[in-house]
Each structure stands twice: as structure tokens, then as C-alpha cells.
Amino acid sequence: SKLRLTMETPSMAIPKYFGNVGSWATQLITEAGGKVVSIRDVIGAVKNSNGIDIAKLMKHSAENRGIKGSNKR
């Protein structure tokens, strides 16, 4: 069965790690209308009170083996 999430009001989510589970969780949260404002992995952390662009972060993480430096682009 398919997981269905809804966000009735704007919200913020802060998954602890941007690994396999965290990256999927952030995708689901943003697709449901939530906003991820902070995330970290084993080599770095990203914080943006306006919300993190998860698609860009995933691309950066794949290209650089982690999220460190992603907020400098």
C-alpha cells in the first residue's frame, strides 16, 4: 500500500541524518508540503530557515559523497 501524508498547515521537519532513510523521509515531507530546515550527515550539516531544496541537496550529496559544502552553491 502507498503511504499518504498530508500537511494541513505549513510545518518544519528536521530529520537527524541524511542517509538512506533520512533522504527518503525528506523527499516525502517536502512532497507533502512540509519544509525541511536542517539536516546533517556524517561529514556536514545544512541549515536554512526558509527550507532546504531537497532535490539540489540530493544531487550535491551524490556528487560529493555527502552534504558538506552544499550551502555554498
C-alpha atoms as a PDB file:
ATOM      1  CA  SER A   1       0.000   0.000   0.000  1.00  0.00           C
ATOM      2  CA  LYS A   2       1.092   3.565  -0.645  1.00  0.00           C
ATOM      3  CA  LEU A   3       1.881   5.903   2.226  1.00  0.00           C
ATOM      4  CA  ARG A   4      -0.212   9.065   2.129  1.00  0.00           C
ATOM      5  CA  LEU A   5       0.963  12.120   4.022  1.00  0.00           C
ATOM      6  CA  THR A   6      -0.821  15.437   4.260  1.00  0.00           C
ATOM      7  CA  MET A   7       0.322  18.709   5.722  1.00  0.00           C
ATOM      8  CA  GLU A   8      -2.699  20.772   6.719  1.00  0.00           C
ATOM      9  CA  THR A   9      -0.575  23.741   7.776  1.00  0.00           C
ATOM     10  CA  PRO A  10       2.969  24.788   6.904  1.00  0.00           C
ATOM     11  CA  SER A  11       5.358  22.833   9.049  1.00  0.00           C
ATOM     12  CA  MET A  12       9.030  22.186   9.576  1.00  0.00           C
ATOM     13  CA  ALA A  13      10.754  18.863   9.865  1.00  0.00           C
ATOM     14  CA  ILE A  14      14.277  18.134  10.981  1.00  0.00           C
ATOM     15  CA  PRO A  15      15.317  14.568  10.181  1.00  0.00           C
ATOM     16  CA  LYS A  16      18.502  13.792  12.049  1.00  0.00           C
ATOM     17  CA  TYR A  17      20.579  12.170   9.289  1.00  0.00           C
ATOM     18  CA  PHE A  18      20.565  12.483   5.503  1.00  0.00           C
ATOM     19  CA  GLY A  19      21.332   8.844   4.804  1.00  0.00           C
ATOM     20  CA  ASN A  20      19.132   6.305   3.077  1.00  0.00           C
ATOM     21  CA  VAL A  21      16.142   6.724   5.397  1.00  0.00           C
ATOM     22  CA  GLY A  22      16.626  10.452   6.003  1.00  0.00           C
ATOM     23  CA  SER A  23      16.844  11.298   2.302  1.00  0.00           C
ATOM     24  CA  TRP A  24      13.618   9.407   1.575  1.00  0.00           C
ATOM     25  CA  ALA A  25      11.924  10.991   4.593  1.00  0.00           C
ATOM     26  CA  THR A  26      12.875  14.492   3.457  1.00  0.00           C
ATOM     27  CA  GLN A  27      11.527  13.794  -0.018  1.00  0.00           C
ATOM     28  CA  LEU A  28       8.202  12.595   1.389  1.00  0.00           C
ATOM     29  CA  ILE A  29       7.985  15.553   3.763  1.00  0.00           C
ATOM     30  CA  THR A  30       8.586  18.127   1.028  1.00  0.00           C
ATOM     31  CA  GLU A  31       6.256  16.369  -1.434  1.00  0.00           C
ATOM     32  CA  ALA A  32       3.523  16.536   1.213  1.00  0.00           C
ATOM     33  CA  GLY A  33       4.068  20.290   1.636  1.00  0.00           C
ATOM     34  CA  GLY A  34       6.354  20.244   4.657  1.00  0.00           C
ATOM     35  CA  LYS A  35       9.559  22.196   4.980  1.00  0.00           C
ATOM     36  CA  VAL A  36      12.919  20.718   5.994  1.00  0.00           C
ATOM     37  CA  VAL A  37      15.038  23.391   7.693  1.00  0.00           C
ATOM     38  CA  SER A  38      18.015  21.436   8.992  1.00  0.00           C
ATOM     39  CA  ILE A  39      19.748  18.174   8.170  1.00  0.00           C
ATOM     40  CA  ARG A  40      23.127  16.545   8.747  1.00  0.00           C
ATOM     41  CA  ASP A  41      25.158  13.554   7.703  1.00  0.00           C
ATOM     42  CA  VAL A  42      28.495  12.123   8.833  1.00  0.00           C
ATOM     43  CA  ILE A  43      30.573  14.899   7.215  1.00  0.00           C
ATOM     44  CA  GLY A  44      28.463  18.060   7.415  1.00  0.00           C
ATOM     45  CA  ALA A  45      25.255  19.883   8.140  1.00  0.00           C
ATOM     46  CA  VAL A  46      22.923  22.283   6.344  1.00  0.00           C
ATOM     47  CA  LYS A  47      20.507  24.767   7.876  1.00  0.00           C
ATOM     48  CA  ASN A  48      18.114  27.134   6.109  1.00  0.00           C
ATOM     49  CA  SER A  49      15.152  28.625   7.964  1.00  0.00           C
ATOM     50  CA  ASN A  50      13.382  29.182   4.617  1.00  0.00           C
ATOM     51  CA  GLY A  51      13.613  25.485   3.768  1.00  0.00           C
ATOM     52  CA  ILE A  52      16.229  23.332   2.096  1.00  0.00           C
ATOM     53  CA  ASP A  53      15.928  22.415  -1.588  1.00  0.00           C
ATOM     54  CA  ILE A  54      15.994  18.641  -1.138  1.00  0.00           C
ATOM     55  CA  ALA A  55      16.420  17.845  -4.845  1.00  0.00           C
ATOM     56  CA  LYS A  56      19.559  20.027  -5.011  1.00  0.00           C
ATOM     57  CA  LEU A  57      20.833  18.586  -1.749  1.00  0.00           C
ATOM     58  CA  MET A  58      20.391  15.010  -3.012  1.00  0.00           C
ATOM     59  CA  LYS A  59      22.261  15.857  -6.209  1.00  0.00           C
ATOM     60  CA  HIS A  60      25.095  17.516  -4.274  1.00  0.00           C
ATOM     61  CA  SER A  61      25.268  14.587  -1.859  1.00  0.00           C
ATOM     62  CA  ALA A  62      25.523  12.069  -4.694  1.00  0.00           C
ATOM     63  CA  GLU A  63      28.213  14.082  -6.497  1.00  0.00           C
ATOM     64  CA  ASN A  64      30.247  14.872  -3.373  1.00  0.00           C
ATOM     65  CA  ARG A  65      29.639  11.843  -1.160  1.00  0.00           C
ATOM     66  CA  GLY A  66      27.940  13.975   1.457  1.00  0.00           C
ATOM     67  CA  ILE A  67      26.162  17.242   2.098  1.00  0.00           C
ATOM     68  CA  LYS A  68      29.173  19.251   3.274  1.00  0.00           C
ATOM     69  CA  GLY A  69      29.532  22.396   1.186  1.00  0.00           C
ATOM     70  CA  SER A  70      26.055  22.209  -0.337  1.00  0.00           C
ATOM     71  CA  ASN A  71      25.035  25.573   1.120  1.00  0.00           C
ATOM     72  CA  LYS A  72      27.913  27.311  -0.650  1.00  0.00           C
ATOM     73  CA  ARG A  73      26.410  26.890  -4.124  1.00  0.00           C
END
